[in-house]
C-alpha atoms as a PDB file:
ATOM      1  CA  MET A   1    -158.746 -92.290  74.562  1.00  0.00           C
ATOM      2  CA  ASN A   2    -160.970 -90.807  71.870  1.00  0.00           C
ATOM      3  CA  GLU A   3    -160.160 -90.082  68.162  1.00  0.00           C
ATOM      4  CA  LYS A   4    -159.483 -86.133  68.181  1.00  0.00           C
ATOM      5  CA  ASN A   5    -156.677 -86.715  71.101  1.00  0.00           C
ATOM      6  CA  LYS A   6    -155.213 -89.467  68.841  1.00  0.00           C
ATOM      7  CA  ASN A   7    -155.097 -86.838  65.756  1.00  0.00           C
ATOM      8  CA  ASN A   8    -153.910 -84.089  67.993  1.00  0.00           C
ATOM      9  CA  LYS A   9    -151.199 -86.151  69.091  1.00  0.00           C
ATOM     10  CA  LYS A  10    -150.393 -86.334  65.628  1.00  0.00           C
ATOM     11  CA  SER A  11    -150.810 -83.004  64.890  1.00  0.00           C
ATOM     12  CA  ASN A  12    -147.885 -82.047  67.191  1.00  0.00           C
ATOM     13  CA  ASN A  13    -145.913 -84.759  66.701  1.00  0.00           C
ATOM     14  CA  ALA A  14    -145.958 -82.925  62.558  1.00  0.00           C
ATOM     15  CA  SER A  15    -145.412 -79.861  63.532  1.00  0.00           C
ATOM     16  CA  GLY A  16    -142.939 -80.217  66.182  1.00  0.00           C
ATOM     17  CA  LEU A  17    -140.993 -82.460  62.887  1.00  0.00           C
ATOM     18  CA  ALA A  18    -141.445 -79.758  60.385  1.00  0.00           C
ATOM     19  CA  ILE A  19    -140.021 -76.749  62.653  1.00  0.00           C
ATOM     20  CA  GLY A  20    -136.697 -78.607  63.935  1.00  0.00           C
ATOM     21  CA  MET A  21    -136.558 -79.230  60.132  1.00  0.00           C
ATOM     22  CA  CYS A  22    -136.581 -76.044  59.255  1.00  0.00           C
ATOM     23  CA  ILE A  23    -134.773 -74.467  62.724  1.00  0.00           C
ATOM     24  CA  GLY A  24    -132.009 -77.352  61.706  1.00  0.00           C
ATOM     25  CA  VAL A  25    -131.581 -76.874  57.954  1.00  0.00           C
ATOM     26  CA  ALA A  26    -131.239 -73.187  58.645  1.00  0.00           C
ATOM     27  CA  ILE A  27    -128.212 -73.636  60.989  1.00  0.00           C
ATOM     28  CA  GLY A  28    -127.024 -76.296  59.107  1.00  0.00           C
ATOM     29  CA  THR A  29    -126.377 -74.214  56.312  1.00  0.00           C
ATOM     30  CA  ALA A  30    -125.040 -71.041  58.213  1.00  0.00           C
ATOM     31  CA  VAL A  31    -122.554 -73.555  59.764  1.00  0.00           C
ATOM     32  CA  GLY A  32    -122.043 -74.919  56.215  1.00  0.00           C
ATOM     33  CA  ALA A  33    -121.601 -71.064  54.955  1.00  0.00           C
ATOM     34  CA  ALA A  34    -119.581 -70.209  57.477  1.00  0.00           C
ATOM     35  CA  THR A  35    -116.845 -73.227  56.974  1.00  0.00           C
ATOM     36  CA  ASN A  36    -117.822 -73.950  53.089  1.00  0.00           C
ATOM     37  CA  ASN A  37    -118.389 -77.197  53.446  1.00  0.00           C
ATOM     38  CA  MET A  38    -122.139 -77.415  53.036  1.00  0.00           C
ATOM     39  CA  GLY A  39    -122.695 -80.918  51.808  1.00  0.00           C
ATOM     40  CA  LEU A  40    -121.524 -82.183  55.867  1.00  0.00           C
ATOM     41  CA  TRP A  41    -123.460 -79.824  57.514  1.00  0.00           C
ATOM     42  CA  MET A  42    -127.191 -79.412  56.189  1.00  0.00           C
ATOM     43  CA  PRO A  43    -127.337 -83.298  56.489  1.00  0.00           C
ATOM     44  CA  VAL A  44    -125.762 -82.600  59.797  1.00  0.00           C
ATOM     45  CA  GLY A  45    -128.505 -79.230  60.370  1.00  0.00           C
ATOM     46  CA  LEU A  46    -131.216 -81.268  59.500  1.00  0.00           C
ATOM     47  CA  SER A  47    -130.714 -84.439  60.862  1.00  0.00           C
ATOM     48  CA  THR A  48    -130.354 -82.798  64.140  1.00  0.00           C
ATOM     49  CA  GLY A  49    -133.683 -80.530  63.864  1.00  0.00           C
ATOM     50  CA  MET A  50    -135.524 -83.662  63.261  1.00  0.00           C
ATOM     51  CA  CYS A  51    -134.599 -85.634  66.009  1.00  0.00           C
ATOM     52  CA  LEU A  52    -134.808 -82.292  68.161  1.00  0.00           C
ATOM     53  CA  GLY A  53    -138.454 -81.270  66.882  1.00  0.00           C
ATOM     54  CA  LEU A  54    -139.146 -85.381  67.684  1.00  0.00           C
ATOM     55  CA  ALA A  55    -138.254 -84.985  71.186  1.00  0.00           C
ATOM     56  CA  LEU A  56    -139.853 -81.401  71.105  1.00  0.00           C
ATOM     57  CA  GLY A  57    -143.282 -82.591  69.773  1.00  0.00           C
ATOM     58  CA  HIS A  58    -143.268 -85.539  71.472  1.00  0.00           C
ATOM     59  CA  LYS A  59    -142.444 -83.433  75.323  1.00  0.00           C
ATOM     60  CA  SER A  60    -145.222 -81.521  74.141  1.00  0.00           C
ATOM     61  CA  ASP A  61    -147.772 -85.029  73.683  1.00  0.00           C
ATOM     62  CA  ASP A  62    -146.667 -85.442  77.889  1.00  0.00           C
ATOM     63  CA  ASN A  63    -148.609 -81.881  78.167  1.00  0.00           C
ATOM     64  CA  ASP A  64    -151.506 -82.908  77.042  1.00  0.00           C
ATOM     65  CA  ASP A  65    -152.008 -86.469  77.877  1.00  0.00           C
ATOM     66  CA  ASP A  66    -151.772 -84.134  81.810  1.00  0.00           C
ATOM     67  CA  GLU A  67    -154.514 -81.502  80.806  1.00  0.00           C
ATOM     68  CA  THR A  68    -157.335 -84.229  79.310  1.00  0.00           C
ATOM     69  CA  ASP A  69    -156.518 -86.183  82.758  1.00  0.00           C
ATOM     70  CA  ASP A  70    -157.537 -83.772  84.874  1.00  0.00           C
ATOM     71  CA  GLN A  71    -160.743 -82.917  82.091  1.00  0.00           C
ATOM     72  CA  GLU A  72    -161.993 -86.416  82.913  1.00  0.00           C
ATOM     73  CA  GLN A  73    -161.237 -86.475  86.620  1.00  0.00           C
ATOM     74  CA  THR A  74    -163.331 -83.599  87.123  1.00  0.00           C
END
């Protein structure tokens, strides 16, 4: 695997994590405001968003591997 693909994978994981954190904090804030328990729901939303963001970033890495394998075979 060349250096460009390694850097691309790190970038995908980082962008997935950032997007997941933002969405998680937004959802956690909304639920916290609705239930009047911001201290509980912000960290719950953040941690859930981080997990989902990493999972989505990892899933897109698998798709990138398939594309690079196809390109190497031709």
